[in-house]
Amino acid sequence: MTKVACPDCGQNIAMHEIEARTVTQTSGFATNYRCPFCRADFDDINDNMV
């Protein structure tokens, strides 16, 4: 199972637990992610894969 490490609290988060928000912009779409444990926001989950 793929997990992502939260950059703030270090908790390993399963992909289905990550909260994602996608918004439209004039140049396309922007998605940011939120840790369900500490509520920290981060932009790229690829940098934090474990």
PDB file of N, CA and C in Angstrom:
ATOM      1  N   MET A   1       0.851  -1.174   0.000  1.00  0.00           N
ATOM      2  CA  MET A   1       0.000   0.000   0.000  1.00  0.00           C
ATOM      3  C   MET A   1       0.903   1.247   0.000  1.00  0.00           C
ATOM      4  N   THR A   2       0.569   2.182  -0.844  1.00  0.00           N
ATOM      5  CA  THR A   2       1.332   3.421  -0.937  1.00  0.00           C
ATOM      6  C   THR A   2       0.940   4.357   0.187  1.00  0.00           C
ATOM      7  N   LYS A   3       1.963   4.924   0.822  1.00  0.00           N
ATOM      8  CA  LYS A   3       1.718   5.889   1.894  1.00  0.00           C
ATOM      9  C   LYS A   3       2.512   7.158   1.629  1.00  0.00           C
ATOM     10  N   VAL A   4       2.043   8.223   2.242  1.00  0.00           N
ATOM     11  CA  VAL A   4       2.678   9.530   2.127  1.00  0.00           C
ATOM     12  C   VAL A   4       3.021  10.007   3.529  1.00  0.00           C
ATOM     13  N   ALA A   5       4.233  10.514   3.714  1.00  0.00           N
ATOM     14  CA  ALA A   5       4.640  11.060   5.009  1.00  0.00           C
ATOM     15  C   ALA A   5       4.272  12.538   5.063  1.00  0.00           C
ATOM     16  N   CYS A   6       3.568  12.935   6.109  1.00  0.00           N
ATOM     17  CA  CYS A   6       3.213  14.337   6.278  1.00  0.00           C
ATOM     18  C   CYS A   6       4.490  15.149   6.512  1.00  0.00           C
ATOM     19  N   PRO A   7       4.681  16.242   5.777  1.00  0.00           N
ATOM     20  CA  PRO A   7       5.890  17.044   5.963  1.00  0.00           C
ATOM     21  C   PRO A   7       5.944  17.761   7.314  1.00  0.00           C
ATOM     22  N   ASP A   8       4.812  17.918   7.997  1.00  0.00           N
ATOM     23  CA  ASP A   8       4.807  18.605   9.293  1.00  0.00           C
ATOM     24  C   ASP A   8       4.916  17.645  10.473  1.00  0.00           C
ATOM     25  N   CYS A   9       4.000  16.668  10.557  1.00  0.00           N
ATOM     26  CA  CYS A   9       3.981  15.794  11.731  1.00  0.00           C
ATOM     27  C   CYS A   9       4.711  14.475  11.497  1.00  0.00           C
ATOM     28  N   GLY A  10       5.032  14.137  10.228  1.00  0.00           N
ATOM     29  CA  GLY A  10       5.759  12.917   9.931  1.00  0.00           C
ATOM     30  C   GLY A  10       4.900  11.662   9.934  1.00  0.00           C
ATOM     31  N   GLN A  11       3.617  11.792  10.196  1.00  0.00           N
ATOM     32  CA  GLN A  11       2.704  10.640  10.213  1.00  0.00           C
ATOM     33  C   GLN A  11       2.616  10.038   8.818  1.00  0.00           C
ATOM     34  N   ASN A  12       2.654   8.709   8.709  1.00  0.00           N
ATOM     35  CA  ASN A  12       2.444   8.041   7.433  1.00  0.00           C
ATOM     36  C   ASN A  12       0.951   7.944   7.166  1.00  0.00           C
ATOM     37  N   ILE A  13       0.530   8.470   6.020  1.00  0.00           N
ATOM     38  CA  ILE A  13      -0.889   8.565   5.677  1.00  0.00           C
ATOM     39  C   ILE A  13      -1.156   7.671   4.472  1.00  0.00           C
ATOM     40  N   ALA A  14      -2.155   6.795   4.558  1.00  0.00           N
ATOM     41  CA  ALA A  14      -2.559   5.994   3.408  1.00  0.00           C
ATOM     42  C   ALA A  14      -3.190   6.919   2.374  1.00  0.00           C
ATOM     43  N   MET A  15      -3.043   6.567   1.104  1.00  0.00           N
ATOM     44  CA  MET A  15      -3.550   7.421   0.027  1.00  0.00           C
ATOM     45  C   MET A  15      -5.040   7.729   0.177  1.00  0.00           C
ATOM     46  N   HIS A  16      -5.833   6.766   0.646  1.00  0.00           N
ATOM     47  CA  HIS A  16      -7.270   7.002   0.766  1.00  0.00           C
ATOM     48  C   HIS A  16      -7.622   7.903   1.951  1.00  0.00           C
ATOM     49  N   GLU A  17      -6.658   8.161   2.837  1.00  0.00           N
ATOM     50  CA  GLU A  17      -6.913   9.026   3.993  1.00  0.00           C
ATOM     51  C   GLU A  17      -6.598  10.495   3.725  1.00  0.00           C
ATOM     52  N   ILE A  18      -5.825  10.771   2.692  1.00  0.00           N
ATOM     53  CA  ILE A  18      -5.431  12.150   2.394  1.00  0.00           C
ATOM     54  C   ILE A  18      -6.634  12.936   1.898  1.00  0.00           C
ATOM     55  N   GLU A  19      -6.795  14.124   2.416  1.00  0.00           N
ATOM     56  CA  GLU A  19      -7.852  15.021   1.953  1.00  0.00           C
ATOM     57  C   GLU A  19      -7.288  15.851   0.805  1.00  0.00           C
ATOM     58  N   ALA A  20      -7.986  15.843  -0.326  1.00  0.00           N
ATOM     59  CA  ALA A  20      -7.525  16.590  -1.501  1.00  0.00           C
ATOM     60  C   ALA A  20      -8.569  17.628  -1.888  1.00  0.00           C
ATOM     61  N   ARG A  21      -8.068  18.756  -2.393  1.00  0.00           N
ATOM     62  CA  ARG A  21      -8.961  19.818  -2.862  1.00  0.00           C
ATOM     63  C   ARG A  21      -8.424  20.310  -4.199  1.00  0.00           C
ATOM     64  N   THR A  22      -9.264  20.252  -5.210  1.00  0.00           N
ATOM     65  CA  THR A  22      -8.889  20.709  -6.547  1.00  0.00           C
ATOM     66  C   THR A  22      -9.738  21.921  -6.901  1.00  0.00           C
ATOM     67  N   VAL A  23      -9.073  22.966  -7.367  1.00  0.00           N
ATOM     68  CA  VAL A  23      -9.770  24.179  -7.789  1.00  0.00           C
ATOM     69  C   VAL A  23      -9.368  24.508  -9.221  1.00  0.00           C
ATOM     70  N   THR A  24     -10.291  25.124  -9.939  1.00  0.00           N
ATOM     71  CA  THR A  24      -9.984  25.536 -11.304  1.00  0.00           C
ATOM     72  C   THR A  24      -9.296  26.894 -11.284  1.00  0.00           C
ATOM     73  N   GLN A  25      -8.382  27.045 -12.195  1.00  0.00           N
ATOM     74  CA  GLN A  25      -7.673  28.306 -12.383  1.00  0.00           C
ATOM     75  C   GLN A  25      -7.665  28.605 -13.875  1.00  0.00           C
ATOM     76  N   THR A  26      -7.280  29.803 -14.242  1.00  0.00           N
ATOM     77  CA  THR A  26      -7.260  30.152 -15.660  1.00  0.00           C
ATOM     78  C   THR A  26      -6.263  29.294 -16.439  1.00  0.00           C
ATOM     79  N   SER A  27      -5.230  28.800 -15.773  1.00  0.00           N
ATOM     80  CA  SER A  27      -4.223  27.980 -16.452  1.00  0.00           C
ATOM     81  C   SER A  27      -4.494  26.483 -16.327  1.00  0.00           C
ATOM     82  N   GLY A  28      -5.597  26.082 -15.700  1.00  0.00           N
ATOM     83  CA  GLY A  28      -5.909  24.659 -15.548  1.00  0.00           C
ATOM     84  C   GLY A  28      -6.448  24.370 -14.159  1.00  0.00           C
ATOM     85  N   PHE A  29      -5.943  23.317 -13.555  1.00  0.00           N
ATOM     86  CA  PHE A  29      -6.384  22.895 -12.234  1.00  0.00           C
ATOM     87  C   PHE A  29      -5.228  22.942 -11.245  1.00  0.00           C
ATOM     88  N   ALA A  30      -5.535  23.190  -9.979  1.00  0.00           N
ATOM     89  CA  ALA A  30      -4.536  23.158  -8.918  1.00  0.00           C
ATOM     90  C   ALA A  30      -5.100  22.287  -7.787  1.00  0.00           C
ATOM     91  N   THR A  31      -4.296  21.337  -7.331  1.00  0.00           N
ATOM     92  CA  THR A  31      -4.721  20.443  -6.257  1.00  0.00           C
ATOM     93  C   THR A  31      -3.770  20.599  -5.084  1.00  0.00           C
ATOM     94  N   ASN A  32      -4.335  20.713  -3.883  1.00  0.00           N
ATOM     95  CA  ASN A  32      -3.516  20.675  -2.688  1.00  0.00           C
ATOM     96  C   ASN A  32      -4.066  19.595  -1.768  1.00  0.00           C
ATOM     97  N   TYR A  33      -3.239  19.153  -0.854  1.00  0.00           N
ATOM     98  CA  TYR A  33      -3.556  18.014  -0.008  1.00  0.00           C
ATOM     99  C   TYR A  33      -3.454  18.415   1.451  1.00  0.00           C
ATOM    100  N   ARG A  34      -4.206  17.707   2.320  1.00  0.00           N
ATOM    101  CA  ARG A  34      -4.212  18.032   3.742  1.00  0.00           C
ATOM    102  C   ARG A  34      -4.058  16.750   4.551  1.00  0.00           C
ATOM    103  N   CYS A  35      -3.209  16.830   5.570  1.00  0.00           N
ATOM    104  CA  CYS A  35      -3.015  15.725   6.492  1.00  0.00           C
ATOM    105  C   CYS A  35      -4.250  15.611   7.393  1.00  0.00           C
ATOM    106  N   PRO A  36      -4.840  14.417   7.516  1.00  0.00           N
ATOM    107  CA  PRO A  36      -6.021  14.270   8.367  1.00  0.00           C
ATOM    108  C   PRO A  36      -5.686  14.283   9.864  1.00  0.00           C
ATOM    109  N   PHE A  37      -4.403  14.198  10.198  1.00  0.00           N
ATOM    110  CA  PHE A  37      -3.994  14.152  11.600  1.00  0.00           C
ATOM    111  C   PHE A  37      -3.671  15.537  12.157  1.00  0.00           C
ATOM    112  N   CYS A  38      -2.772  16.270  11.476  1.00  0.00           N
ATOM    113  CA  CYS A  38      -2.373  17.586  11.999  1.00  0.00           C
ATOM    114  C   CYS A  38      -2.968  18.742  11.195  1.00  0.00           C
ATOM    115  N   ARG A  39      -3.681  18.416  10.102  1.00  0.00           N
ATOM    116  CA  ARG A  39      -4.351  19.406   9.247  1.00  0.00           C
ATOM    117  C   ARG A  39      -3.383  20.288   8.453  1.00  0.00           C
ATOM    118  N   ALA A  40      -2.125  19.883   8.314  1.00  0.00           N
ATOM    119  CA  ALA A  40      -1.155  20.648   7.532  1.00  0.00           C
ATOM    120  C   ALA A  40      -1.469  20.504   6.045  1.00  0.00           C
ATOM    121  N   ASP A  41      -1.279  21.575   5.292  1.00  0.00           N
ATOM    122  CA  ASP A  41      -1.478  21.558   3.849  1.00  0.00           C
ATOM    123  C   ASP A  41      -0.141  21.370   3.144  1.00  0.00           C
ATOM    124  N   PHE A  42      -0.147  20.601   2.052  1.00  0.00           N
ATOM    125  CA  PHE A  42       1.037  20.475   1.216  1.00  0.00           C
ATOM    126  C   PHE A  42       0.598  20.334  -0.228  1.00  0.00           C
ATOM    127  N   ASP A  43       1.489  20.706  -1.149  1.00  0.00           N
ATOM    128  CA  ASP A  43       1.120  20.788  -2.556  1.00  0.00           C
ATOM    129  C   ASP A  43       1.431  19.541  -3.358  1.00  0.00           C
ATOM    130  N   ASP A  44       2.495  18.832  -3.026  1.00  0.00           N
ATOM    131  CA  ASP A  44       2.925  17.713  -3.855  1.00  0.00           C
ATOM    132  C   ASP A  44       3.118  16.464  -3.020  1.00  0.00           C
ATOM    133  N   ILE A  45       2.343  15.428  -3.284  1.00  0.00           N
ATOM    134  CA  ILE A  45       2.497  14.196  -2.521  1.00  0.00           C
ATOM    135  C   ILE A  45       3.667  13.356  -3.018  1.00  0.00           C
ATOM    136  N   ASN A  46       4.111  13.588  -4.263  1.00  0.00           N
ATOM    137  CA  ASN A  46       5.221  12.808  -4.802  1.00  0.00           C
ATOM    138  C   ASN A  46       6.509  13.018  -4.035  1.00  0.00           C
ATOM    139  N   ASP A  47       6.690  14.199  -3.472  1.00  0.00           N
ATOM    140  CA  ASP A  47       7.905  14.482  -2.701  1.00  0.00           C
ATOM    141  C   ASP A  47       7.930  13.742  -1.370  1.00  0.00           C
ATOM    142  N   ASN A  48       6.786  13.275  -0.897  1.00  0.00           N
ATOM    143  CA  ASN A  48       6.686  12.699   0.436  1.00  0.00           C
ATOM    144  C   ASN A  48       6.297  11.217   0.451  1.00  0.00           C
ATOM    145  N   MET A  49       6.400  10.544  -0.692  1.00  0.00           N
ATOM    146  CA  MET A  49       6.038   9.122  -0.762  1.00  0.00           C
ATOM    147  C   MET A  49       7.008   8.285   0.065  1.00  0.00           C
ATOM    148  N   VAL A  50       6.466   7.306   0.786  1.00  0.00           N
ATOM    149  CA  VAL A  50       7.310   6.378   1.563  1.00  0.00           C
ATOM    150  C   VAL A  50       7.104   4.959   1.085  1.00  0.00           C
TER     151      VAL A  50
END
